[in-house]
Amino acid sequence: MPPLALDLAKLPGVTHHNEVGLNQVTISYHEDRNRLNLSSEMEQWLNLDPRNVFRTADWKGETALRISLTP
């Protein structure tokens, strides 16, 4: 697993969903107390930096964040 995927999986509220292939990581982010899915809000915030691409997607009925990394 790439270093970013390992680092993200350690964060509170982050669930890592996929086997990482090439440059894609799929996660969801939940606020701990109520398990509120904040993946869409994270997409907006993370896309302020244009070096990587963050998009939401449906992952088994849940909103997830797809991350495409550039080398």
N, C-alpha and C. Protein backbone atom coordinates (compact mmCIF):
# COMPACT_ATOMS: atom_id res chain seq x y z
N MET A 1 0.85 -1.18 0.00
CA MET A 1 0.00 0.00 0.00
C MET A 1 0.90 1.25 0.00
N PRO A 2 0.59 2.24 -0.84
CA PRO A 2 1.40 3.46 -0.87
C PRO A 2 1.40 4.20 0.46
N PRO A 3 2.43 5.00 0.73
CA PRO A 3 2.53 5.71 2.00
C PRO A 3 1.30 6.57 2.32
N LEU A 4 0.74 7.25 1.33
CA LEU A 4 -0.43 8.08 1.61
C LEU A 4 -1.59 7.24 2.11
N ALA A 5 -1.84 6.11 1.47
CA ALA A 5 -2.94 5.23 1.90
C ALA A 5 -2.72 4.75 3.32
N LEU A 6 -1.48 4.40 3.65
CA LEU A 6 -1.17 3.96 5.03
C LEU A 6 -1.41 5.09 6.02
N ASP A 7 -0.96 6.29 5.67
CA ASP A 7 -1.14 7.44 6.56
C ASP A 7 -2.62 7.77 6.75
N LEU A 8 -3.38 7.75 5.66
CA LEU A 8 -4.81 8.07 5.75
C LEU A 8 -5.55 7.05 6.62
N ALA A 9 -5.21 5.78 6.46
CA ALA A 9 -5.89 4.73 7.22
C ALA A 9 -5.67 4.87 8.73
N LYS A 10 -4.64 5.58 9.15
CA LYS A 10 -4.36 5.78 10.58
C LYS A 10 -5.18 6.90 11.19
N LEU A 11 -5.78 7.75 10.35
CA LEU A 11 -6.51 8.92 10.86
C LEU A 11 -7.86 8.51 11.46
N PRO A 12 -8.26 9.15 12.55
CA PRO A 12 -9.57 8.87 13.14
C PRO A 12 -10.68 9.20 12.14
N GLY A 13 -11.61 8.28 11.98
CA GLY A 13 -12.76 8.52 11.12
C GLY A 13 -12.56 8.12 9.67
N VAL A 14 -11.34 7.72 9.28
CA VAL A 14 -11.08 7.36 7.89
C VAL A 14 -11.18 5.85 7.72
N THR A 15 -11.91 5.44 6.68
CA THR A 15 -12.01 4.03 6.31
C THR A 15 -11.40 3.89 4.92
N HIS A 16 -10.44 3.00 4.78
CA HIS A 16 -9.80 2.73 3.49
C HIS A 16 -10.56 1.58 2.83
N HIS A 17 -11.00 1.76 1.56
CA HIS A 17 -11.90 0.79 0.93
C HIS A 17 -11.29 -0.13 -0.12
N ASN A 18 -10.22 0.26 -0.78
CA ASN A 18 -9.79 -0.53 -1.94
C ASN A 18 -8.34 -0.97 -1.84
N GLU A 19 -8.02 -1.98 -2.65
CA GLU A 19 -6.64 -2.34 -2.88
C GLU A 19 -6.09 -1.26 -3.82
N VAL A 20 -5.00 -0.68 -3.48
CA VAL A 20 -4.47 0.44 -4.26
C VAL A 20 -3.78 -0.10 -5.51
N GLY A 21 -4.21 0.42 -6.64
CA GLY A 21 -3.59 0.08 -7.91
C GLY A 21 -3.14 1.38 -8.58
N LEU A 22 -1.95 1.39 -9.07
CA LEU A 22 -1.38 2.54 -9.75
C LEU A 22 -1.41 3.78 -8.87
N ASN A 23 -2.45 4.63 -9.00
CA ASN A 23 -2.45 5.90 -8.27
C ASN A 23 -3.80 6.24 -7.65
N GLN A 24 -4.65 5.24 -7.40
CA GLN A 24 -5.99 5.50 -6.88
C GLN A 24 -6.16 4.94 -5.47
N VAL A 25 -6.68 5.78 -4.58
CA VAL A 25 -7.02 5.38 -3.22
C VAL A 25 -8.49 5.75 -3.01
N THR A 26 -9.27 4.87 -2.41
CA THR A 26 -10.67 5.16 -2.12
C THR A 26 -10.88 5.07 -0.62
N ILE A 27 -11.36 6.18 -0.03
CA ILE A 27 -11.59 6.24 1.41
C ILE A 27 -12.94 6.89 1.67
N SER A 28 -13.42 6.76 2.88
CA SER A 28 -14.53 7.60 3.33
C SER A 28 -14.11 8.20 4.66
N TYR A 29 -14.70 9.32 4.97
CA TYR A 29 -14.36 10.03 6.20
C TYR A 29 -15.63 10.28 6.98
N HIS A 30 -15.65 9.83 8.23
CA HIS A 30 -16.81 9.98 9.11
C HIS A 30 -16.43 10.74 10.36
N GLU A 31 -17.31 11.62 10.76
CA GLU A 31 -17.17 12.30 12.05
C GLU A 31 -17.41 11.23 13.11
N ASP A 32 -16.52 11.11 14.05
CA ASP A 32 -16.54 9.99 15.00
C ASP A 32 -17.81 9.85 15.82
N ARG A 33 -18.28 10.94 16.37
CA ARG A 33 -19.36 10.86 17.34
C ARG A 33 -20.65 10.28 16.74
N ASN A 34 -21.07 10.79 15.61
CA ASN A 34 -22.34 10.36 15.02
C ASN A 34 -22.19 9.54 13.75
N ARG A 35 -20.95 9.24 13.35
CA ARG A 35 -20.67 8.51 12.11
C ARG A 35 -21.23 9.23 10.89
N LEU A 36 -21.30 10.56 10.95
CA LEU A 36 -21.76 11.38 9.84
C LEU A 36 -20.70 11.34 8.73
N ASN A 37 -21.11 10.97 7.51
CA ASN A 37 -20.19 10.88 6.39
C ASN A 37 -19.86 12.28 5.88
N LEU A 38 -18.60 12.66 5.96
CA LEU A 38 -18.15 13.99 5.55
C LEU A 38 -17.28 13.94 4.30
N SER A 39 -17.39 12.88 3.52
CA SER A 39 -16.54 12.72 2.34
C SER A 39 -16.75 13.84 1.32
N SER A 40 -17.98 14.28 1.10
CA SER A 40 -18.24 15.35 0.13
C SER A 40 -17.61 16.65 0.58
N GLU A 41 -17.70 16.94 1.87
CA GLU A 41 -17.08 18.16 2.39
C GLU A 41 -15.56 18.10 2.27
N MET A 42 -15.00 16.93 2.49
CA MET A 42 -13.55 16.76 2.35
C MET A 42 -13.13 16.97 0.89
N GLU A 43 -13.94 16.50 -0.06
CA GLU A 43 -13.63 16.69 -1.49
C GLU A 43 -13.47 18.17 -1.80
N GLN A 44 -14.40 18.99 -1.36
CA GLN A 44 -14.35 20.42 -1.65
C GLN A 44 -13.08 21.05 -1.06
N TRP A 45 -12.77 20.71 0.15
CA TRP A 45 -11.61 21.29 0.83
C TRP A 45 -10.30 20.84 0.18
N LEU A 46 -10.19 19.53 -0.12
CA LEU A 46 -8.95 18.99 -0.66
C LEU A 46 -8.68 19.47 -2.09
N ASN A 47 -9.72 19.75 -2.86
CA ASN A 47 -9.53 20.19 -4.23
C ASN A 47 -9.06 21.64 -4.33
N LEU A 48 -8.90 22.32 -3.22
CA LEU A 48 -8.31 23.66 -3.25
C LEU A 48 -6.85 23.60 -3.71
N ASP A 49 -6.20 22.46 -3.53
CA ASP A 49 -4.83 22.25 -3.99
C ASP A 49 -4.91 21.49 -5.32
N PRO A 50 -4.52 22.10 -6.45
CA PRO A 50 -4.73 21.49 -7.76
C PRO A 50 -3.74 20.37 -8.13
N ARG A 51 -2.81 20.02 -7.27
CA ARG A 51 -1.81 19.01 -7.63
C ARG A 51 -2.38 17.60 -7.72
N ASN A 52 -3.46 17.31 -6.99
CA ASN A 52 -4.08 15.99 -7.00
C ASN A 52 -5.56 16.15 -7.29
N VAL A 53 -6.21 15.06 -7.61
CA VAL A 53 -7.64 15.10 -7.95
C VAL A 53 -8.41 14.28 -6.93
N PHE A 54 -9.43 14.89 -6.36
CA PHE A 54 -10.29 14.23 -5.37
C PHE A 54 -11.72 14.29 -5.89
N ARG A 55 -12.39 13.14 -5.96
CA ARG A 55 -13.78 13.09 -6.41
C ARG A 55 -14.56 12.14 -5.51
N THR A 56 -15.82 12.45 -5.32
CA THR A 56 -16.67 11.52 -4.58
C THR A 56 -17.21 10.46 -5.54
N ALA A 57 -17.52 9.31 -4.98
CA ALA A 57 -18.07 8.20 -5.74
C ALA A 57 -18.94 7.38 -4.80
N ASP A 58 -19.80 6.55 -5.37
CA ASP A 58 -20.60 5.63 -4.57
C ASP A 58 -19.78 4.36 -4.37
N TRP A 59 -19.60 3.97 -3.10
CA TRP A 59 -18.88 2.74 -2.78
C TRP A 59 -19.79 1.87 -1.93
N LYS A 60 -20.42 0.91 -2.59
CA LYS A 60 -21.32 -0.03 -1.90
C LYS A 60 -22.39 0.72 -1.11
N GLY A 61 -23.00 1.73 -1.74
CA GLY A 61 -24.09 2.48 -1.12
C GLY A 61 -23.65 3.60 -0.21
N GLU A 62 -22.38 3.86 -0.13
CA GLU A 62 -21.85 4.90 0.74
C GLU A 62 -21.05 5.90 -0.09
N THR A 63 -21.10 7.18 0.29
CA THR A 63 -20.28 8.18 -0.39
C THR A 63 -18.83 8.01 0.04
N ALA A 64 -17.97 7.86 -0.94
CA ALA A 64 -16.54 7.69 -0.68
C ALA A 64 -15.77 8.73 -1.46
N LEU A 65 -14.53 8.90 -1.11
CA LEU A 65 -13.65 9.87 -1.75
C LEU A 65 -12.60 9.11 -2.55
N ARG A 66 -12.60 9.32 -3.87
CA ARG A 66 -11.59 8.73 -4.75
C ARG A 66 -10.45 9.72 -4.90
N ILE A 67 -9.26 9.26 -4.64
CA ILE A 67 -8.08 10.12 -4.71
C ILE A 67 -7.17 9.61 -5.81
N SER A 68 -6.88 10.48 -6.77
CA SER A 68 -5.92 10.17 -7.84
C SER A 68 -4.69 11.01 -7.58
N LEU A 69 -3.57 10.36 -7.41
CA LEU A 69 -2.34 11.06 -7.07
C LEU A 69 -1.45 11.23 -8.27
N THR A 70 -0.79 12.37 -8.35
CA THR A 70 0.20 12.58 -9.39
C THR A 70 1.59 12.37 -8.79
N PRO A 71 2.49 11.80 -9.57
CA PRO A 71 3.83 11.54 -9.03
C PRO A 71 4.59 12.82 -8.76
